[in-house]
Amino acid sequence: MKPFKPVKPQSASSLGLALVVSSSTPLLLLNEELVVKAASGSFCRSFSVNCETVVGKELFELGNGEWDIPQLRSLLVATAAGNAAIDAYEMDLKRAGSPTRHLVIHAHVLDHHEDEALRLAVAVTDVTDALQARRANDALVNEKQVLLQELNHRVANSLQIIASVLMQRVRIAQSEETRTHLRDAHHRVMSVATLQRQLASSATGEVALRPYFIDLCASIGASMIPDPELLSLTVEADDSVTTADKSVSMGLIVTELVINSLKHAYPAEAKGTIKIGFSATASGWVLTVADDGVGIQGEHASGKAGLGTGIVNALATQLSATVEVTDAAPGCLVSIVHS
């Protein structure tokens, strides 16, 4: 078979013909009767058309008539008449013995003087491979989403099992100190479980802090506050979102501080409210936990830093933040400040 050769324009002065012939994009130049006046070599190679005989044929006669599609014919006729333009018309080109190709067609009338013949430029883009790659990518994304959902399900089940085991140990533990440590561990596990639920419902992998803190406080309150009429947890946060790793640290900080307030800020039958706050600005953010209990002296009467204090300080360091403890008069205010 002879190599394809682009058809030379009949008139060297015709810029349109020259551009079509030399184009690396599949291009056709048609007259008002949709007869081929020039074809680029890339068009001939892409669609197995003989460039030496293509000029003078109607577009719909090319090949074995596979270009004779009624809708394409109507659009080209309307475009040649000046009544329309083809912008990204999609079609399937079906040829015997060859796989179907998905094409995108663009066509418009070239500017011309009144005494010059009308010429219609038709650009053809084969998007078959790109479309198949996109479909394969979509299938891969869907598969990963299914796997991620399965992973989230397994993680949620595992966290629930761990939390249940810890509570079983609380019931059989002989030492009150041991029971206290086990309850604290249970609350920390539930803090991570709450975050996991937020991540599972997020499409972006980011965590909205306000609903996260609300769910977290609901979980802590359900297990630690016997009478919600006496003690309550409230959240006042803006619409900030953050990454999963940062939200883990923030959630554990809130857990530790709320547990500390519930344990030490309120004597038996005392009433009060623990408020969790978060606000962010262009210069940084502040996470706060405030109670209206007995105050700093009562909550820190021993003068010794416990495990919870160490956890809060370590997590604040991970967040490149500082811990500030102030007297709220009444109660205690702990601020985690990042700036």
Protein backbone atom coordinates (compact mmCIF):
# COMPACT_ATOMS: atom_id res chain seq x y z
CA MET A 1 0.00 0.00 0.00
CA LYS A 2 1.30 3.44 -0.89
CA PRO A 3 1.92 5.80 2.02
CA PHE A 4 -0.76 8.41 2.55
CA LYS A 5 0.03 11.76 0.96
CA PRO A 6 -1.88 14.88 1.76
CA VAL A 7 -3.78 16.28 -1.19
CA LYS A 8 -2.26 19.50 -2.47
CA PRO A 9 -4.60 22.44 -2.78
CA GLN A 10 -5.57 23.35 -6.30
CA SER A 11 -4.79 26.97 -5.60
CA ALA A 12 -1.65 27.88 -3.68
CA SER A 13 -3.26 31.18 -2.83
CA SER A 14 -5.97 29.51 -0.82
CA LEU A 15 -4.86 29.81 2.79
CA GLY A 16 -7.73 27.60 3.95
CA LEU A 17 -6.63 24.76 1.69
CA ALA A 18 -3.03 25.07 2.79
CA LEU A 19 -3.92 25.03 6.47
CA VAL A 20 -6.12 21.98 6.11
CA VAL A 21 -3.56 20.00 4.15
CA SER A 22 -0.74 20.74 6.57
CA SER A 23 -2.73 20.25 9.76
CA SER A 24 -1.77 17.52 12.20
CA THR A 25 -5.42 17.42 13.29
CA PRO A 26 -7.96 15.46 11.21
CA LEU A 27 -9.48 18.25 9.09
CA LEU A 28 -11.69 18.48 6.02
CA LEU A 29 -12.50 21.44 3.81
CA LEU A 30 -15.93 21.13 2.18
CA ASN A 31 -17.78 23.29 -0.31
CA GLU A 32 -21.42 24.33 0.02
CA GLU A 33 -22.50 20.97 -1.43
CA LEU A 34 -20.44 19.14 1.24
CA VAL A 35 -17.96 17.89 -1.33
CA VAL A 36 -14.39 17.46 -0.09
CA LYS A 37 -12.03 20.15 -1.41
CA ALA A 38 -9.07 19.20 0.80
CA ALA A 39 -8.23 16.69 3.51
CA SER A 40 -5.36 16.58 5.96
CA GLY A 41 -3.09 13.57 5.96
CA SER A 42 -4.02 12.95 9.59
CA PHE A 43 -7.68 12.57 8.58
CA CYS A 44 -6.81 10.05 5.89
CA ARG A 45 -4.59 8.03 8.21
CA SER A 46 -7.02 8.08 11.11
CA PHE A 47 -10.03 6.92 9.12
CA SER A 48 -8.42 4.78 6.38
CA VAL A 49 -9.32 7.15 3.56
CA ASN A 50 -7.28 7.34 0.34
CA CYS A 51 -6.01 10.89 0.19
CA GLU A 52 -5.28 10.59 -3.52
CA THR A 53 -8.96 10.09 -4.37
CA VAL A 54 -10.80 11.85 -1.57
CA VAL A 55 -11.02 15.29 -3.22
CA GLY A 56 -14.20 15.65 -5.25
CA LYS A 57 -16.17 13.13 -3.22
CA GLU A 58 -19.09 14.01 -1.05
CA LEU A 59 -18.30 13.55 2.64
CA PHE A 60 -21.01 10.93 2.98
CA GLU A 61 -19.46 8.82 0.21
CA LEU A 62 -16.17 8.33 2.05
CA GLY A 63 -15.23 4.80 3.06
CA ASN A 64 -18.20 2.49 2.87
CA GLY A 65 -20.72 5.18 3.66
CA GLU A 66 -20.12 5.13 7.42
CA TRP A 67 -20.09 8.95 7.45
CA ASP A 68 -23.63 9.09 6.07
CA ILE A 69 -25.38 9.81 9.36
CA PRO A 70 -28.68 11.70 8.97
CA GLN A 71 -28.17 13.99 11.95
CA LEU A 72 -24.63 14.89 10.88
CA ARG A 73 -25.89 15.57 7.34
CA SER A 74 -28.62 17.89 8.66
CA LEU A 75 -26.21 19.81 10.86
CA LEU A 76 -23.66 20.29 8.07
CA VAL A 77 -26.33 21.43 5.61
CA ALA A 78 -27.61 23.97 8.14
CA THR A 79 -24.07 25.14 8.89
CA ALA A 80 -23.25 25.61 5.20
CA ALA A 81 -26.45 27.63 4.84
CA GLY A 82 -25.39 29.88 7.69
CA ASN A 83 -28.23 28.76 9.91
CA ALA A 84 -26.16 26.86 12.48
CA ALA A 85 -22.68 25.87 13.62
CA ILE A 86 -21.45 22.55 14.91
CA ASP A 87 -19.78 22.82 18.27
CA ALA A 88 -18.76 19.48 19.79
CA TYR A 89 -21.26 17.19 18.07
CA GLU A 90 -20.58 13.65 19.27
CA MET A 91 -21.07 10.60 17.09
CA ASP A 92 -20.04 6.96 16.84
CA LEU A 93 -18.24 5.97 13.64
CA LYS A 94 -18.91 2.34 12.87
CA ARG A 95 -16.77 0.62 10.26
CA ALA A 96 -16.88 -3.04 9.27
CA GLY A 97 -13.93 -4.93 10.70
CA SER A 98 -12.87 -2.06 12.96
CA PRO A 99 -13.86 -1.10 16.49
CA THR A 100 -16.37 1.71 16.87
CA ARG A 101 -14.72 5.11 17.35
CA HIS A 102 -16.29 7.92 19.33
CA LEU A 103 -15.79 11.24 17.54
CA VAL A 104 -16.36 14.90 18.34
CA ILE A 105 -17.13 17.11 15.33
CA HIS A 106 -16.63 20.87 15.03
CA ALA A 107 -17.62 22.74 11.86
CA HIS A 108 -17.92 26.36 10.79
CA VAL A 109 -17.91 28.45 7.62
CA LEU A 110 -14.63 30.20 6.83
CA ASP A 111 -14.70 33.93 6.29
CA HIS A 112 -14.84 34.72 2.59
CA HIS A 113 -15.59 37.52 0.15
CA GLU A 114 -18.87 37.61 -1.73
CA ASP A 115 -17.13 36.62 -4.96
CA GLU A 116 -15.39 33.65 -3.34
CA ALA A 117 -16.78 30.16 -2.97
CA LEU A 118 -18.03 29.10 0.44
CA ARG A 119 -15.77 26.75 2.35
CA LEU A 120 -16.72 24.72 5.38
CA ALA A 121 -13.97 23.65 7.80
CA VAL A 122 -14.68 20.40 9.64
CA ALA A 123 -12.46 19.25 12.51
CA VAL A 124 -12.73 15.67 13.76
CA THR A 125 -11.38 14.56 17.16
CA ASP A 126 -11.21 10.91 18.10
CA VAL A 127 -11.91 10.72 21.84
CA THR A 128 -12.36 6.96 22.02
CA ASP A 129 -9.21 6.27 24.02
CA ALA A 130 -9.80 9.19 26.38
CA LEU A 131 -13.39 8.07 26.94
CA GLN A 132 -12.31 4.50 27.66
CA ALA A 133 -9.61 5.74 30.06
CA ARG A 134 -12.19 7.89 31.86
CA ARG A 135 -14.58 4.97 32.17
CA ALA A 136 -11.79 2.73 33.47
CA ASN A 137 -10.84 5.43 35.98
CA ASP A 138 -14.47 5.81 37.09
CA ALA A 139 -14.70 2.06 37.57
CA LEU A 140 -11.50 2.12 39.63
CA VAL A 141 -12.80 5.00 41.75
CA ASN A 142 -16.07 3.14 42.36
CA GLU A 143 -14.15 0.02 43.35
CA LYS A 144 -12.03 2.01 45.79
CA GLN A 145 -15.14 3.61 47.27
CA VAL A 146 -16.64 0.16 47.87
CA LEU A 147 -13.40 -0.98 49.51
CA LEU A 148 -13.29 2.18 51.62
CA GLN A 149 -16.87 1.64 52.77
CA GLU A 150 -16.00 -1.92 53.71
CA LEU A 151 -12.93 -0.69 55.60
CA ASN A 152 -15.00 1.93 57.42
CA HIS A 153 -17.52 -0.75 58.36
CA ARG A 154 -14.79 -3.02 59.74
CA VAL A 155 -13.12 -0.17 61.63
CA ALA A 156 -16.44 0.87 63.16
CA ASN A 157 -17.14 -2.71 64.24
CA SER A 158 -13.66 -3.07 65.73
CA LEU A 159 -13.98 0.15 67.71
CA GLN A 160 -17.35 -0.94 69.05
CA ILE A 161 -15.90 -4.30 70.10
CA ILE A 162 -12.99 -2.59 71.88
CA ALA A 163 -15.36 -0.20 73.64
CA SER A 164 -17.60 -3.08 74.72
CA VAL A 165 -14.65 -5.07 76.08
CA LEU A 166 -13.47 -2.07 78.07
CA MET A 167 -16.91 -1.61 79.63
CA GLN A 168 -17.06 -5.30 80.50
CA ARG A 169 -13.73 -4.93 82.27
CA VAL A 170 -15.09 -1.96 84.17
CA ARG A 171 -17.86 -4.12 85.62
CA ILE A 172 -15.55 -6.88 86.84
CA ALA A 173 -12.63 -4.72 88.00
CA GLN A 174 -12.11 -4.80 91.78
CA SER A 175 -10.22 -1.52 92.08
CA GLU A 176 -11.96 1.81 91.68
CA GLU A 177 -8.75 3.24 90.24
CA THR A 178 -8.71 0.49 87.60
CA ARG A 179 -12.34 1.13 86.76
CA THR A 180 -11.59 4.83 86.35
CA HIS A 181 -8.73 4.15 83.95
CA LEU A 182 -10.84 1.71 81.96
CA ARG A 183 -13.69 4.23 81.68
CA ASP A 184 -11.23 6.87 80.47
CA ALA A 185 -9.87 4.46 77.86
CA HIS A 186 -13.45 3.72 76.79
CA HIS A 187 -14.15 7.43 76.26
CA ARG A 188 -10.96 7.81 74.20
CA VAL A 189 -11.96 4.92 71.98
CA MET A 190 -15.42 6.43 71.52
CA SER A 191 -13.78 9.74 70.58
CA VAL A 192 -11.96 8.01 67.73
CA ALA A 193 -15.14 6.13 66.78
CA THR A 194 -17.03 9.42 66.51
CA LEU A 195 -14.35 10.80 64.23
CA GLN A 196 -14.47 7.65 62.13
CA ARG A 197 -18.21 8.15 61.60
CA GLN A 198 -17.60 11.73 60.48
CA LEU A 199 -14.93 10.63 58.01
CA ALA A 200 -17.12 7.85 56.66
CA SER A 201 -19.83 10.39 55.82
CA SER A 202 -17.40 12.88 54.28
CA ALA A 203 -16.83 12.91 50.54
CA THR A 204 -13.69 15.07 50.77
CA GLY A 205 -11.71 13.38 53.52
CA GLU A 206 -12.08 16.52 55.67
CA VAL A 207 -13.94 16.80 58.96
CA ALA A 208 -16.49 19.50 59.78
CA LEU A 209 -15.66 20.35 63.38
CA ARG A 210 -19.02 21.54 64.67
CA PRO A 211 -20.97 18.30 63.95
CA TYR A 212 -17.95 16.30 65.06
CA PHE A 213 -17.82 18.03 68.45
CA ILE A 214 -21.61 17.76 68.83
CA ASP A 215 -21.51 13.99 68.23
CA LEU A 216 -18.51 13.64 70.49
CA CYS A 217 -20.18 15.49 73.36
CA ALA A 218 -23.35 13.45 72.90
CA SER A 219 -21.31 10.26 73.25
CA ILE A 220 -19.45 11.47 76.35
CA GLY A 221 -22.60 12.81 77.96
CA ALA A 222 -24.51 9.57 77.39
CA SER A 223 -21.88 7.57 79.26
CA MET A 224 -20.82 10.04 81.97
CA ILE A 225 -23.77 12.30 82.81
CA PRO A 226 -26.46 10.41 84.74
CA ASP A 227 -28.79 13.41 84.95
CA PRO A 228 -28.80 15.76 81.93
CA GLU A 229 -31.01 18.12 83.91
CA LEU A 230 -28.02 18.84 86.16
CA LEU A 231 -25.08 18.86 83.75
CA SER A 232 -25.03 19.57 80.03
CA LEU A 233 -22.52 19.87 77.21
CA THR A 234 -22.90 22.56 74.53
CA VAL A 235 -20.93 23.34 71.39
CA GLU A 236 -20.38 26.80 69.93
CA ALA A 237 -18.23 26.41 66.82
CA ASP A 238 -17.97 28.05 63.43
CA ASP A 239 -18.14 26.21 60.11
CA SER A 240 -14.46 25.28 60.04
CA VAL A 241 -13.26 22.02 58.52
CA THR A 242 -9.89 20.40 59.02
CA THR A 243 -7.90 17.35 58.07
CA ALA A 244 -8.46 13.95 59.62
CA ASP A 245 -5.18 13.91 61.57
CA LYS A 246 -5.79 17.33 63.11
CA SER A 247 -9.37 16.45 64.00
CA VAL A 248 -8.14 13.34 65.84
CA SER A 249 -5.94 15.49 68.06
CA MET A 250 -8.69 18.07 68.62
CA GLY A 251 -11.26 15.41 69.44
CA LEU A 252 -8.99 13.73 71.98
CA ILE A 253 -8.21 17.11 73.57
CA VAL A 254 -11.92 17.83 73.94
CA THR A 255 -12.48 14.35 75.36
CA GLU A 256 -9.76 14.75 77.99
CA LEU A 257 -10.84 18.23 79.06
CA VAL A 258 -14.54 17.39 79.22
CA ILE A 259 -13.84 14.24 81.25
CA ASN A 260 -11.65 16.26 83.62
CA SER A 261 -14.40 18.84 84.12
CA LEU A 262 -17.07 16.20 84.70
CA LYS A 263 -14.89 14.48 87.27
CA HIS A 264 -13.56 17.43 89.21
CA ALA A 265 -15.49 20.64 88.50
CA TYR A 266 -18.85 19.66 89.92
CA PRO A 267 -19.57 18.24 93.36
CA ALA A 268 -22.44 15.80 93.74
CA GLU A 269 -25.82 17.17 92.61
CA ALA A 270 -24.18 20.33 91.29
CA LYS A 271 -25.64 22.01 88.23
CA GLY A 272 -23.57 23.36 85.37
CA THR A 273 -22.71 23.59 81.70
CA ILE A 274 -19.52 22.69 79.90
CA LYS A 275 -19.05 24.68 76.69
CA ILE A 276 -16.85 23.59 73.80
CA GLY A 277 -15.93 26.36 71.39
CA PHE A 278 -13.95 26.68 68.19
CA SER A 279 -13.26 29.66 65.98
CA ALA A 280 -10.80 30.24 63.17
CA THR A 281 -9.45 33.41 61.57
CA ALA A 282 -6.87 34.15 58.92
CA SER A 283 -4.19 34.27 61.60
CA GLY A 284 -5.03 31.04 63.46
CA TRP A 285 -7.65 29.20 65.50
CA VAL A 286 -8.72 28.71 69.11
CA LEU A 287 -10.27 25.60 70.64
CA THR A 288 -11.80 26.13 74.11
CA VAL A 289 -13.38 24.02 76.81
CA ALA A 290 -14.98 26.03 79.63
CA ASP A 291 -16.92 24.93 82.67
CA ASP A 292 -18.72 26.89 85.40
CA GLY A 293 -17.68 24.60 88.23
CA VAL A 294 -15.49 24.97 91.30
CA GLY A 295 -12.68 26.73 89.46
CA ILE A 296 -8.98 26.14 88.99
CA GLN A 297 -8.14 25.52 92.64
CA GLY A 298 -10.83 22.90 93.01
CA GLU A 299 -10.07 21.13 89.77
CA HIS A 300 -6.32 21.11 90.33
CA ALA A 301 -6.24 20.81 94.08
CA SER A 302 -3.61 18.06 94.07
CA GLY A 303 -1.15 20.22 92.15
CA LYS A 304 -0.03 17.17 90.16
CA ALA A 305 -0.34 16.83 86.42
CA GLY A 306 -2.30 13.69 85.64
CA LEU A 307 -2.41 11.51 82.54
CA GLY A 308 -5.10 13.67 80.97
CA THR A 309 -2.99 16.83 81.32
CA GLY A 310 -0.03 15.09 79.73
CA ILE A 311 -2.19 13.91 76.83
CA VAL A 312 -3.59 17.40 76.25
CA ASN A 313 -0.12 18.99 76.26
CA ALA A 314 1.26 16.35 73.89
CA LEU A 315 -1.66 16.73 71.46
CA ALA A 316 -1.39 20.53 71.55
CA THR A 317 2.28 20.20 70.64
CA GLN A 318 1.33 18.04 67.66
CA LEU A 319 -0.99 20.84 66.53
CA SER A 320 1.75 23.47 67.02
CA ALA A 321 -0.51 25.09 69.58
CA THR A 322 -0.18 26.26 73.17
CA VAL A 323 -2.34 25.43 76.20
CA GLU A 324 -3.68 28.32 78.28
CA VAL A 325 -5.56 27.73 81.54
CA THR A 326 -7.42 30.67 83.08
CA ASP A 327 -9.90 31.28 85.85
CA ALA A 328 -13.34 31.77 84.26
CA ALA A 329 -14.88 33.06 87.48
CA PRO A 330 -16.77 30.84 87.94
CA GLY A 331 -15.11 27.74 86.63
CA CYS A 332 -12.11 27.05 84.46
CA LEU A 333 -11.33 27.93 80.84
CA VAL A 334 -8.77 25.93 78.86
CA SER A 335 -7.76 27.35 75.49
CA ILE A 336 -5.75 25.61 72.81
CA VAL A 337 -4.34 28.44 70.74
CA HIS A 338 -2.74 28.12 67.31
CA SER A 339 -1.42 31.26 65.67
